């Protein structure tokens, strides 16, 4: 089971990872576990009356570096067969940037 920390929604920040489904009073799932918070999503949850949610804990700098390295290795492996295909190179750059932003804003990413 993933470690979680219960956080007041007003203290949540974009980039953090949701650890458990967020449901409304009727039991409808508003956010799936594993989703990355955005400013817009936080605002929508506030509008729906959500007061707190379970988030994955932030990572230490060492854990962040290890995760970044793991992501780079996995992307290298996934994209190695595509050689110099410009579209695939661009997609890899987008994925690298995406994961880098998640690392920067949340103090960690799911990887």
PDB file of N, CA and C in Angstrom:
ATOM      1  N   UNK A   1       0.842  -1.183   0.000  1.00  0.00           N
ATOM      2  CA  UNK A   1       0.000   0.000   0.000  1.00  0.00           C
ATOM      3  C   UNK A   1       0.891   1.251   0.000  1.00  0.00           C
ATOM      4  N   UNK A   2       0.456   2.257  -0.744  1.00  0.00           N
ATOM      5  CA  UNK A   2       1.201   3.504  -0.856  1.00  0.00           C
ATOM      6  C   UNK A   2       1.033   4.311   0.422  1.00  0.00           C
ATOM      7  N   UNK A   3       2.143   4.878   0.916  1.00  0.00           N
ATOM      8  CA  UNK A   3       2.042   5.803   2.045  1.00  0.00           C
ATOM      9  C   UNK A   3       1.246   7.017   1.606  1.00  0.00           C
ATOM     10  N   UNK A   4       0.420   7.519   2.516  1.00  0.00           N
ATOM     11  CA  UNK A   4      -0.370   8.695   2.188  1.00  0.00           C
ATOM     12  C   UNK A   4      -0.300   9.702   3.324  1.00  0.00           C
ATOM     13  N   UNK A   5      -0.630  10.930   2.998  1.00  0.00           N
ATOM     14  CA  UNK A   5      -0.797  11.953   4.023  1.00  0.00           C
ATOM     15  C   UNK A   5      -2.092  12.684   3.725  1.00  0.00           C
ATOM     16  N   UNK A   6      -2.933  12.824   4.738  1.00  0.00           N
ATOM     17  CA  UNK A   6      -4.192  13.548   4.586  1.00  0.00           C
ATOM     18  C   UNK A   6      -3.887  15.032   4.636  1.00  0.00           C
ATOM     19  N   UNK A   7      -4.326  15.772   3.628  1.00  0.00           N
ATOM     20  CA  UNK A   7      -3.983  17.181   3.493  1.00  0.00           C
ATOM     21  C   UNK A   7      -5.268  17.980   3.286  1.00  0.00           C
ATOM     22  N   UNK A   8      -5.380  19.100   3.988  1.00  0.00           N
ATOM     23  CA  UNK A   8      -6.490  20.013   3.715  1.00  0.00           C
ATOM     24  C   UNK A   8      -6.339  20.518   2.288  1.00  0.00           C
ATOM     25  N   UNK A   9      -7.441  20.575   1.571  1.00  0.00           N
ATOM     26  CA  UNK A   9      -7.389  20.994   0.176  1.00  0.00           C
ATOM     27  C   UNK A   9      -6.758  22.376   0.028  1.00  0.00           C
ATOM     28  N   UNK A  10      -6.992  23.259   0.980  1.00  0.00           N
ATOM     29  CA  UNK A  10      -6.409  24.603   0.907  1.00  0.00           C
ATOM     30  C   UNK A  10      -4.890  24.570   0.983  1.00  0.00           C
ATOM     31  N   UNK A  11      -4.304  23.471   1.466  1.00  0.00           N
ATOM     32  CA  UNK A  11      -2.845  23.347   1.552  1.00  0.00           C
ATOM     33  C   UNK A  11      -2.241  22.528   0.420  1.00  0.00           C
ATOM     34  N   UNK A  12      -3.092  21.958  -0.426  1.00  0.00           N
ATOM     35  CA  UNK A  12      -2.602  21.168  -1.556  1.00  0.00           C
ATOM     36  C   UNK A  12      -2.046  22.108  -2.623  1.00  0.00           C
ATOM     37  N   UNK A  13      -1.044  21.625  -3.359  1.00  0.00           N
ATOM     38  CA  UNK A  13      -0.443  22.429  -4.424  1.00  0.00           C
ATOM     39  C   UNK A  13      -0.413  21.632  -5.714  1.00  0.00           C
ATOM     40  N   UNK A  14      -0.470  22.356  -6.816  1.00  0.00           N
ATOM     41  CA  UNK A  14      -0.398  21.725  -8.129  1.00  0.00           C
ATOM     42  C   UNK A  14       0.865  20.889  -8.227  1.00  0.00           C
ATOM     43  N   UNK A  15       0.734  19.722  -8.818  1.00  0.00           N
ATOM     44  CA  UNK A  15       1.868  18.823  -8.994  1.00  0.00           C
ATOM     45  C   UNK A  15       1.875  17.676  -8.010  1.00  0.00           C
ATOM     46  N   UNK A  16       1.154  17.804  -6.906  1.00  0.00           N
ATOM     47  CA  UNK A  16       1.105  16.704  -5.946  1.00  0.00           C
ATOM     48  C   UNK A  16       0.251  15.579  -6.529  1.00  0.00           C
ATOM     49  N   UNK A  17       0.509  14.357  -6.060  1.00  0.00           N
ATOM     50  CA  UNK A  17      -0.157  13.173  -6.596  1.00  0.00           C
ATOM     51  C   UNK A  17      -1.211  12.682  -5.610  1.00  0.00           C
ATOM     52  N   UNK A  18      -2.417  12.463  -6.116  1.00  0.00           N
ATOM     53  CA  UNK A  18      -3.531  11.972  -5.317  1.00  0.00           C
ATOM     54  C   UNK A  18      -3.291  10.491  -5.008  1.00  0.00           C
ATOM     55  N   UNK A  19      -3.367  10.131  -3.722  1.00  0.00           N
ATOM     56  CA  UNK A  19      -3.074   8.758  -3.305  1.00  0.00           C
ATOM     57  C   UNK A  19      -4.314   7.873  -3.283  1.00  0.00           C
ATOM     58  N   UNK A  20      -5.479   8.447  -3.031  1.00  0.00           N
ATOM     59  CA  UNK A  20      -6.726   7.683  -2.971  1.00  0.00           C
ATOM     60  C   UNK A  20      -7.801   8.449  -3.725  1.00  0.00           C
ATOM     61  N   UNK A  21      -8.759   7.692  -4.293  1.00  0.00           N
ATOM     62  CA  UNK A  21      -9.857   8.339  -5.003  1.00  0.00           C
ATOM     63  C   UNK A  21     -10.480   9.445  -4.156  1.00  0.00           C
ATOM     64  N   UNK A  22     -10.862  10.517  -4.814  1.00  0.00           N
ATOM     65  CA  UNK A  22     -11.609  11.583  -4.155  1.00  0.00           C
ATOM     66  C   UNK A  22     -13.056  11.427  -4.606  1.00  0.00           C
ATOM     67  N   UNK A  23     -13.955  11.280  -3.640  1.00  0.00           N
ATOM     68  CA  UNK A  23     -15.374  11.076  -3.961  1.00  0.00           C
ATOM     69  C   UNK A  23     -16.211  12.185  -3.339  1.00  0.00           C
ATOM     70  N   UNK A  24     -17.357  12.460  -3.980  1.00  0.00           N
ATOM     71  CA  UNK A  24     -18.268  13.452  -3.411  1.00  0.00           C
ATOM     72  C   UNK A  24     -19.219  12.769  -2.430  1.00  0.00           C
ATOM     73  N   UNK A  25     -20.155  13.525  -1.880  1.00  0.00           N
ATOM     74  CA  UNK A  25     -21.060  12.996  -0.862  1.00  0.00           C
ATOM     75  C   UNK A  25     -21.922  11.846  -1.360  1.00  0.00           C
ATOM     76  N   UNK A  26     -22.184  11.806  -2.668  1.00  0.00           N
ATOM     77  CA  UNK A  26     -23.001  10.730  -3.220  1.00  0.00           C
ATOM     78  C   UNK A  26     -22.168   9.503  -3.605  1.00  0.00           C
ATOM     79  N   UNK A  27     -20.847   9.598  -3.433  1.00  0.00           N
ATOM     80  CA  UNK A  27     -19.973   8.474  -3.743  1.00  0.00           C
ATOM     81  C   UNK A  27     -19.419   8.471  -5.158  1.00  0.00           C
ATOM     82  N   UNK A  28     -19.729   9.500  -5.931  1.00  0.00           N
ATOM     83  CA  UNK A  28     -19.194   9.600  -7.289  1.00  0.00           C
ATOM     84  C   UNK A  28     -17.714   9.966  -7.234  1.00  0.00           C
ATOM     85  N   UNK A  29     -16.918   9.276  -8.035  1.00  0.00           N
ATOM     86  CA  UNK A  29     -15.473   9.536  -8.071  1.00  0.00           C
ATOM     87  C   UNK A  29     -15.228  10.836  -8.832  1.00  0.00           C
ATOM     88  N   UNK A  30     -14.589  11.764  -8.158  1.00  0.00           N
ATOM     89  CA  UNK A  30     -14.240  13.048  -8.780  1.00  0.00           C
ATOM     90  C   UNK A  30     -12.828  13.027  -9.339  1.00  0.00           C
ATOM     91  N   UNK A  31     -11.921  12.343  -8.632  1.00  0.00           N
ATOM     92  CA  UNK A  31     -10.516  12.270  -9.044  1.00  0.00           C
ATOM     93  C   UNK A  31     -10.016  10.863  -8.746  1.00  0.00           C
ATOM     94  N   UNK A  32      -9.362  10.257  -9.708  1.00  0.00           N
ATOM     95  CA  UNK A  32      -8.814   8.915  -9.530  1.00  0.00           C
ATOM     96  C   UNK A  32      -7.494   8.962  -8.770  1.00  0.00           C
ATOM     97  N   UNK A  33      -7.203   7.894  -8.065  1.00  0.00           N
ATOM     98  CA  UNK A  33      -5.898   7.755  -7.426  1.00  0.00           C
ATOM     99  C   UNK A  33      -4.824   7.807  -8.506  1.00  0.00           C
ATOM    100  N   UNK A  34      -3.739   8.498  -8.217  1.00  0.00           N
ATOM    101  CA  UNK A  34      -2.648   8.611  -9.180  1.00  0.00           C
ATOM    102  C   UNK A  34      -2.702   9.881 -10.016  1.00  0.00           C
ATOM    103  N   UNK A  35      -3.820  10.602  -9.949  1.00  0.00           N
ATOM    104  CA  UNK A  35      -3.933  11.849 -10.711  1.00  0.00           C
ATOM    105  C   UNK A  35      -3.001  12.901 -10.126  1.00  0.00           C
ATOM    106  N   UNK A  36      -2.506  13.761 -10.985  1.00  0.00           N
ATOM    107  CA  UNK A  36      -1.649  14.860 -10.558  1.00  0.00           C
ATOM    108  C   UNK A  36      -2.513  16.108 -10.440  1.00  0.00           C
ATOM    109  N   UNK A  37      -2.452  16.757  -9.287  1.00  0.00           N
ATOM    110  CA  UNK A  37      -3.254  17.966  -9.067  1.00  0.00           C
ATOM    111  C   UNK A  37      -2.795  19.108  -9.957  1.00  0.00           C
ATOM    112  N   UNK A  38      -3.760  19.868 -10.434  1.00  0.00           N
ATOM    113  CA  UNK A  38      -3.506  21.113 -11.151  1.00  0.00           C
ATOM    114  C   UNK A  38      -4.242  22.219 -10.400  1.00  0.00           C
ATOM    115  N   UNK A  39      -3.912  23.465 -10.689  1.00  0.00           N
ATOM    116  CA  UNK A  39      -4.616  24.582 -10.057  1.00  0.00           C
ATOM    117  C   UNK A  39      -6.111  24.505 -10.368  1.00  0.00           C
ATOM    118  N   UNK A  40      -6.435  24.178 -11.600  1.00  0.00           N
ATOM    119  CA  UNK A  40      -7.841  24.083 -12.006  1.00  0.00           C
ATOM    120  C   UNK A  40      -8.561  22.979 -11.253  1.00  0.00           C
ATOM    121  N   UNK A  41      -7.919  21.817 -11.127  1.00  0.00           N
ATOM    122  CA  UNK A  41      -8.536  20.700 -10.414  1.00  0.00           C
ATOM    123  C   UNK A  41      -8.760  21.042  -8.944  1.00  0.00           C
ATOM    124  N   UNK A  42      -7.794  21.700  -8.324  1.00  0.00           N
ATOM    125  CA  UNK A  42      -7.945  22.119  -6.929  1.00  0.00           C
ATOM    126  C   UNK A  42      -9.147  23.053  -6.796  1.00  0.00           C
ATOM    127  N   UNK A  43      -9.282  24.009  -7.713  1.00  0.00           N
ATOM    128  CA  UNK A  43     -10.411  24.940  -7.679  1.00  0.00           C
ATOM    129  C   UNK A  43     -11.742  24.200  -7.851  1.00  0.00           C
ATOM    130  N   UNK A  44     -11.765  23.217  -8.751  1.00  0.00           N
ATOM    131  CA  UNK A  44     -12.993  22.449  -8.962  1.00  0.00           C
ATOM    132  C   UNK A  44     -13.365  21.654  -7.719  1.00  0.00           C
ATOM    133  N   UNK A  45     -12.384  21.068  -7.053  1.00  0.00           N
ATOM    134  CA  UNK A  45     -12.663  20.312  -5.838  1.00  0.00           C
ATOM    135  C   UNK A  45     -13.173  21.234  -4.732  1.00  0.00           C
ATOM    136  N   UNK A  46     -12.593  22.423  -4.628  1.00  0.00           N
ATOM    137  CA  UNK A  46     -13.076  23.389  -3.640  1.00  0.00           C
ATOM    138  C   UNK A  46     -14.525  23.750  -3.925  1.00  0.00           C
ATOM    139  N   UNK A  47     -14.850  23.955  -5.187  1.00  0.00           N
ATOM    140  CA  UNK A  47     -16.213  24.287  -5.593  1.00  0.00           C
ATOM    141  C   UNK A  47     -17.185  23.158  -5.252  1.00  0.00           C
ATOM    142  N   UNK A  48     -16.699  21.902  -5.304  1.00  0.00           N
ATOM    143  CA  UNK A  48     -17.545  20.738  -4.996  1.00  0.00           C
ATOM    144  C   UNK A  48     -17.622  20.456  -3.501  1.00  0.00           C
ATOM    145  N   UNK A  49     -16.967  21.269  -2.684  1.00  0.00           N
ATOM    146  CA  UNK A  49     -17.061  21.121  -1.243  1.00  0.00           C
ATOM    147  C   UNK A  49     -16.097  20.115  -0.630  1.00  0.00           C
ATOM    148  N   UNK A  50     -15.090  19.701  -1.372  1.00  0.00           N
ATOM    149  CA  UNK A  50     -14.094  18.772  -0.838  1.00  0.00           C
ATOM    150  C   UNK A  50     -13.172  19.564   0.094  1.00  0.00           C
ATOM    151  N   UNK A  51     -12.979  19.069   1.300  1.00  0.00           N
ATOM    152  CA  UNK A  51     -12.163  19.783   2.286  1.00  0.00           C
ATOM    153  C   UNK A  51     -10.762  19.209   2.436  1.00  0.00           C
ATOM    154  N   UNK A  52     -10.609  17.892   2.219  1.00  0.00           N
ATOM    155  CA  UNK A  52      -9.285  17.279   2.352  1.00  0.00           C
ATOM    156  C   UNK A  52      -9.182  16.093   1.409  1.00  0.00           C
ATOM    157  N   UNK A  53      -7.952  15.644   1.191  1.00  0.00           N
ATOM    158  CA  UNK A  53      -7.717  14.496   0.334  1.00  0.00           C
ATOM    159  C   UNK A  53      -6.409  13.837   0.721  1.00  0.00           C
ATOM    160  N   UNK A  54      -6.256  12.581   0.327  1.00  0.00           N
ATOM    161  CA  UNK A  54      -5.035  11.828   0.610  1.00  0.00           C
ATOM    162  C   UNK A  54      -4.056  12.021  -0.544  1.00  0.00           C
ATOM    163  N   UNK A  55      -2.859  12.464  -0.205  1.00  0.00           N
ATOM    164  CA  UNK A  55      -1.824  12.686  -1.212  1.00  0.00           C
ATOM    165  C   UNK A  55      -0.613  11.817  -0.918  1.00  0.00           C
ATOM    166  N   UNK A  56       0.145  11.522  -1.975  1.00  0.00           N
ATOM    167  CA  UNK A  56       1.408  10.824  -1.770  1.00  0.00           C
ATOM    168  C   UNK A  56       2.366  11.808  -1.109  1.00  0.00           C
ATOM    169  N   UNK A  57       3.160  11.333  -0.142  1.00  0.00           N
ATOM    170  CA  UNK A  57       4.100  12.240   0.519  1.00  0.00           C
ATOM    171  C   UNK A  57       5.150  12.766  -0.448  1.00  0.00           C
ATOM    172  N   UNK A  58       5.658  13.931  -0.139  1.00  0.00           N
ATOM    173  CA  UNK A  58       6.724  14.522  -0.956  1.00  0.00           C
ATOM    174  C   UNK A  58       8.013  13.719  -0.782  1.00  0.00           C
ATOM    175  N   UNK A  59       8.877  13.816  -1.770  1.00  0.00           N
ATOM    176  CA  UNK A  59      10.129  13.047  -1.781  1.00  0.00           C
ATOM    177  C   UNK A  59      11.313  13.911  -1.363  1.00  0.00           C
ATOM    178  N   UNK A  60      12.325  13.245  -0.825  1.00  0.00           N
ATOM    179  CA  UNK A  60      13.576  13.930  -0.511  1.00  0.00           C
ATOM    180  C   UNK A  60      14.306  14.228  -1.824  1.00  0.00           C
ATOM    181  N   UNK A  61      15.275  15.137  -1.820  1.00  0.00           N
ATOM    182  CA  UNK A  61      16.051  15.417  -3.034  1.00  0.00           C
ATOM    183  C   UNK A  61      16.723  14.166  -3.612  1.00  0.00           C
ATOM    184  N   UNK A  62      17.168  13.271  -2.734  1.00  0.00           N
ATOM    185  CA  UNK A  62      17.804  12.040  -3.205  1.00  0.00           C
ATOM    186  C   UNK A  62      16.801  11.156  -3.931  1.00  0.00           C
ATOM    187  N   UNK A  63      15.582  11.056  -3.357  1.00  0.00           N
ATOM    188  CA  UNK A  63      14.537  10.260  -4.006  1.00  0.00           C
ATOM    189  C   UNK A  63      14.138  10.883  -5.341  1.00  0.00           C
ATOM    190  N   UNK A  64      14.069  12.207  -5.388  1.00  0.00           N
ATOM    191  CA  UNK A  64      13.750  12.897  -6.637  1.00  0.00           C
ATOM    192  C   UNK A  64      14.779  12.577  -7.710  1.00  0.00           C
ATOM    193  N   UNK A  65      16.054  12.635  -7.353  1.00  0.00           N
ATOM    194  CA  UNK A  65      17.128  12.354  -8.314  1.00  0.00           C
ATOM    195  C   UNK A  65      17.045  10.915  -8.809  1.00  0.00           C
ATOM    196  N   UNK A  66      16.774   9.988  -7.903  1.00  0.00           N
ATOM    197  CA  UNK A  66      16.647   8.581  -8.294  1.00  0.00           C
ATOM    198  C   UNK A  66      15.463   8.379  -9.228  1.00  0.00           C
ATOM    199  N   UNK A  67      14.362   9.042  -8.944  1.00  0.00           N
ATOM    200  CA  UNK A  67      13.178   8.926  -9.808  1.00  0.00           C
ATOM    201  C   UNK A  67      13.432   9.533 -11.183  1.00  0.00           C
ATOM    202  N   UNK A  68      14.091  10.694 -11.213  1.00  0.00           N
ATOM    203  CA  UNK A  68      14.423  11.313 -12.498  1.00  0.00           C
ATOM    204  C   UNK A  68      15.289  10.377 -13.327  1.00  0.00           C
ATOM    205  N   UNK A  69      16.280   9.764 -12.685  1.00  0.00           N
ATOM    206  CA  UNK A  69      17.164   8.841 -13.395  1.00  0.00           C
ATOM    207  C   UNK A  69      16.377   7.640 -13.910  1.00  0.00           C
ATOM    208  N   UNK A  70      15.475   7.118 -13.087  1.00  0.00           N
ATOM    209  CA  UNK A  70      14.651   5.987 -13.498  1.00  0.00           C
ATOM    210  C   UNK A  70      13.775   6.362 -14.698  1.00  0.00           C
ATOM    211  N   UNK A  71      13.185   7.542 -14.657  1.00  0.00           N
ATOM    212  CA  UNK A  71      12.338   7.999 -15.763  1.00  0.00           C
ATOM    213  C   UNK A  71      13.170   8.128 -17.038  1.00  0.00           C
ATOM    214  N   UNK A  72      14.347   8.743 -16.927  1.00  0.00           N
ATOM    215  CA  UNK A  72      15.222   8.895 -18.094  1.00  0.00           C
ATOM    216  C   UNK A  72      15.581   7.540 -18.689  1.00  0.00           C
ATOM    217  N   UNK A  73      15.907   6.571 -17.841  1.00  0.00           N
ATOM    218  CA  UNK A  73      16.273   5.238 -18.329  1.00  0.00           C
ATOM    219  C   UNK A  73      15.099   4.564 -19.032  1.00  0.00           C
ATOM    220  N   UNK A  74      13.909   4.695 -18.456  1.00  0.00           N
ATOM    221  CA  UNK A  74      12.735   4.086 -19.083  1.00  0.00           C
ATOM    222  C   UNK A  74      12.399   4.758 -20.411  1.00  0.00           C
ATOM    223  N   UNK A  75      12.513   6.093 -20.465  1.00  0.00           N
ATOM    224  CA  UNK A  75      12.271   6.778 -21.727  1.00  0.00           C
ATOM    225  C   UNK A  75      13.319   6.404 -22.767  1.00  0.00           C
ATOM    226  N   UNK A  76      14.595   6.311 -22.354  1.00  0.00           N
ATOM    227  CA  UNK A  76      15.651   5.875 -23.278  1.00  0.00           C
ATOM    228  C   UNK A  76      15.306   4.524 -23.889  1.00  0.00           C
ATOM    229  N   UNK A  77      14.880   3.596 -23.050  1.00  0.00           N
ATOM    230  CA  UNK A  77      14.533   2.249 -23.516  1.00  0.00           C
ATOM    231  C   UNK A  77      13.331   2.288 -24.463  1.00  0.00           C
ATOM    232  N   UNK A  78      12.294   3.023 -24.091  1.00  0.00           N
ATOM    233  CA  UNK A  78      11.084   3.084 -24.905  1.00  0.00           C
ATOM    234  C   UNK A  78      11.320   3.731 -26.272  1.00  0.00           C
ATOM    235  N   UNK A  79      12.175   4.737 -26.304  1.00  0.00           N
ATOM    236  CA  UNK A  79      12.355   5.493 -27.540  1.00  0.00           C
ATOM    237  C   UNK A  79      13.589   5.063 -28.339  1.00  0.00           C
ATOM    238  N   UNK A  80      14.367   4.122 -27.840  1.00  0.00           N
ATOM    239  CA  UNK A  80      15.604   3.723 -28.518  1.00  0.00           C
ATOM    240  C   UNK A  80      15.355   3.143 -29.915  1.00  0.00           C
ATOM    241  N   UNK A  81      14.266   2.483 -30.117  1.00  0.00           N
ATOM    242  CA  UNK A  81      14.001   1.846 -31.413  1.00  0.00           C
ATOM    243  C   UNK A  81      13.507   2.819 -32.475  1.00  0.00           C
ATOM    244  N   UNK A  82      13.279   4.069 -32.094  1.00  0.00           N
ATOM    245  CA  UNK A  82      12.730   5.029 -33.040  1.00  0.00           C
ATOM    246  C   UNK A  82      13.788   5.913 -33.692  1.00  0.00           C
ATOM    247  N   UNK A  83      15.035   5.717 -33.303  1.00  0.00           N
ATOM    248  CA  UNK A  83      16.147   6.415 -33.948  1.00  0.00           C
ATOM    249  C   UNK A  83      15.953   7.908 -34.037  1.00  0.00           C
ATOM    250  N   UNK A  84      16.010   8.432 -35.265  1.00  0.00           N
ATOM    251  CA  UNK A  84      15.969   9.876 -35.474  1.00  0.00           C
ATOM    252  C   UNK A  84      14.587  10.373 -35.904  1.00  0.00           C
ATOM    253  N   UNK A  85      13.557   9.582 -35.720  1.00  0.00           N
ATOM    254  CA  UNK A  85      12.197  10.000 -36.062  1.00  0.00           C
ATOM    255  C   UNK A  85      11.858  11.283 -35.296  1.00  0.00           C
ATOM    256  N   UNK A  86      11.642  12.362 -36.022  1.00  0.00           N
ATOM    257  CA  UNK A  86      11.440  13.685 -35.415  1.00  0.00           C
ATOM    258  C   UNK A  86      10.215  13.716 -34.506  1.00  0.00           C
ATOM    259  N   UNK A  87       9.146  13.059 -34.896  1.00  0.00           N
ATOM    260  CA  UNK A  87       7.930  13.061 -34.082  1.00  0.00           C
ATOM    261  C   UNK A  87       8.175  12.353 -32.759  1.00  0.00           C
ATOM    262  N   UNK A  88       8.856  11.231 -32.822  1.00  0.00           N
ATOM    263  CA  UNK A  88       9.134  10.479 -31.603  1.00  0.00           C
ATOM    264  C   UNK A  88      10.126  11.219 -30.707  1.00  0.00           C
ATOM    265  N   UNK A  89      11.090  11.906 -31.292  1.00  0.00           N
ATOM    266  CA  UNK A  89      12.019  12.707 -30.499  1.00  0.00           C
ATOM    267  C   UNK A  89      11.270  13.826 -29.783  1.00  0.00           C
ATOM    268  N   UNK A  90      10.338  14.447 -30.489  1.00  0.00           N
ATOM    269  CA  UNK A  90       9.544  15.508 -29.881  1.00  0.00           C
ATOM    270  C   UNK A  90       8.688  14.954 -28.735  1.00  0.00           C
ATOM    271  N   UNK A  91       8.063  13.809 -28.947  1.00  0.00           N
ATOM    272  CA  UNK A  91       7.251  13.190 -27.899  1.00  0.00           C
ATOM    273  C   UNK A  91       8.100  12.890 -26.669  1.00  0.00           C
ATOM    274  N   UNK A  92       9.302  12.381 -26.881  1.00  0.00           N
ATOM    275  CA  UNK A  92      10.192  12.098 -25.748  1.00  0.00           C
ATOM    276  C   UNK A  92      10.526  13.390 -24.994  1.00  0.00           C
ATOM    277  N   UNK A  93      10.782  14.477 -25.729  1.00  0.00           N
ATOM    278  CA  UNK A  93      11.068  15.763 -25.082  1.00  0.00           C
ATOM    279  C   UNK A  93       9.875  16.244 -24.267  1.00  0.00           C
ATOM    280  N   UNK A  94       8.678  16.071 -24.804  1.00  0.00           N
ATOM    281  CA  UNK A  94       7.469  16.483 -24.088  1.00  0.00           C
ATOM    282  C   UNK A  94       7.316  15.671 -22.805  1.00  0.00           C
ATOM    283  N   UNK A  95       7.523  14.363 -22.894  1.00  0.00           N
ATOM    284  CA  UNK A  95       7.406  13.508 -21.711  1.00  0.00           C
ATOM    285  C   UNK A  95       8.471  13.847 -20.670  1.00  0.00           C
ATOM    286  N   UNK A  96       9.673  14.109 -21.124  1.00  0.00           N
ATOM    287  CA  UNK A  96      10.748  14.481 -20.199  1.00  0.00           C
ATOM    288  C   UNK A  96      10.398  15.790 -19.494  1.00  0.00           C
ATOM    289  N   UNK A  97       9.908  16.764 -20.244  1.00  0.00           N
ATOM    290  CA  UNK A  97       9.525  18.055 -19.656  1.00  0.00           C
ATOM    291  C   UNK A  97       8.367  17.872 -18.681  1.00  0.00           C
ATOM    292  N   UNK A  98       7.402  17.055 -19.052  1.00  0.00           N
ATOM    293  CA  UNK A  98       6.255  16.814 -18.177  1.00  0.00           C
ATOM    294  C   UNK A  98       6.716  16.238 -16.843  1.00  0.00           C
ATOM    295  N   UNK A  99       7.537  15.210 -16.901  1.00  0.00           N
ATOM    296  CA  UNK A  99       8.015  14.591 -15.666  1.00  0.00           C
ATOM    297  C   UNK A  99       8.890  15.549 -14.873  1.00  0.00           C
ATOM    298  N   UNK A 100       9.653  16.375 -15.544  1.00  0.00           N
ATOM    299  CA  UNK A 100      10.479  17.361 -14.865  1.00  0.00           C
ATOM    300  C   UNK A 100       9.644  18.395 -14.130  1.00  0.00           C
ATOM    301  N   UNK A 101       8.546  18.830 -14.741  1.00  0.00           N
ATOM    302  CA  UNK A 101       7.648  19.786 -14.073  1.00  0.00           C
ATOM    303  C   UNK A 101       6.994  19.149 -12.864  1.00  0.00           C
ATOM    304  N   UNK A 102       6.573  17.908 -12.978  1.00  0.00           N
ATOM    305  CA  UNK A 102       5.947  17.223 -11.840  1.00  0.00           C
ATOM    306  C   UNK A 102       6.940  17.121 -10.696  1.00  0.00           C
ATOM    307  N   UNK A 103       8.201  16.846 -11.012  1.00  0.00           N
ATOM    308  CA  UNK A 103       9.237  16.765  -9.987  1.00  0.00           C
ATOM    309  C   UNK A 103       9.414  18.115  -9.302  1.00  0.00           C
ATOM    310  N   UNK A 104       9.457  19.169 -10.098  1.00  0.00           N
ATOM    311  CA  UNK A 104       9.716  20.497  -9.572  1.00  0.00           C
ATOM    312  C   UNK A 104       8.569  21.017  -8.718  1.00  0.00           C
ATOM    313  N   UNK A 105       7.332  20.810  -9.154  1.00  0.00           N
ATOM    314  CA  UNK A 105       6.206  21.396  -8.438  1.00  0.00           C
ATOM    315  C   UNK A 105       5.786  20.591  -7.220  1.00  0.00           C
ATOM    316  N   UNK A 106       5.989  19.288  -7.248  1.00  0.00           N
ATOM    317  CA  UNK A 106       5.470  18.478  -6.144  1.00  0.00           C
ATOM    318  C   UNK A 106       6.549  17.985  -5.209  1.00  0.00           C
ATOM    319  N   UNK A 107       7.791  18.116  -5.616  1.00  0.00           N
ATOM    320  CA  UNK A 107       8.835  17.532  -4.792  1.00  0.00           C
ATOM    321  C   UNK A 107       8.938  16.047  -5.063  1.00  0.00           C
ATOM    322  N   UNK A 108       8.293  15.590  -6.113  1.00  0.00           N
ATOM    323  CA  UNK A 108       8.346  14.177  -6.471  1.00  0.00           C
ATOM    324  C   UNK A 108       7.304  13.872  -7.510  1.00  0.00           C
ATOM    325  N   UNK A 109       7.457  12.756  -8.189  1.00  0.00           N
ATOM    326  CA  UNK A 109       6.449  12.305  -9.133  1.00  0.00           C
ATOM    327  C   UNK A 109       6.296  10.820  -9.004  1.00  0.00           C
ATOM    328  N   UNK A 110       5.261  10.320  -9.618  1.00  0.00           N
ATOM    329  CA  UNK A 110       5.015   8.884  -9.542  1.00  0.00           C
ATOM    330  C   UNK A 110       6.007   8.113 -10.382  1.00  0.00           C
ATOM    331  N   UNK A 111       6.563   8.723 -11.393  1.00  0.00           N
ATOM    332  CA  UNK A 111       7.537   8.066 -12.232  1.00  0.00           C
ATOM    333  C   UNK A 111       6.959   7.457 -13.368  1.00  0.00           C
TER     334      UNK A 111
END
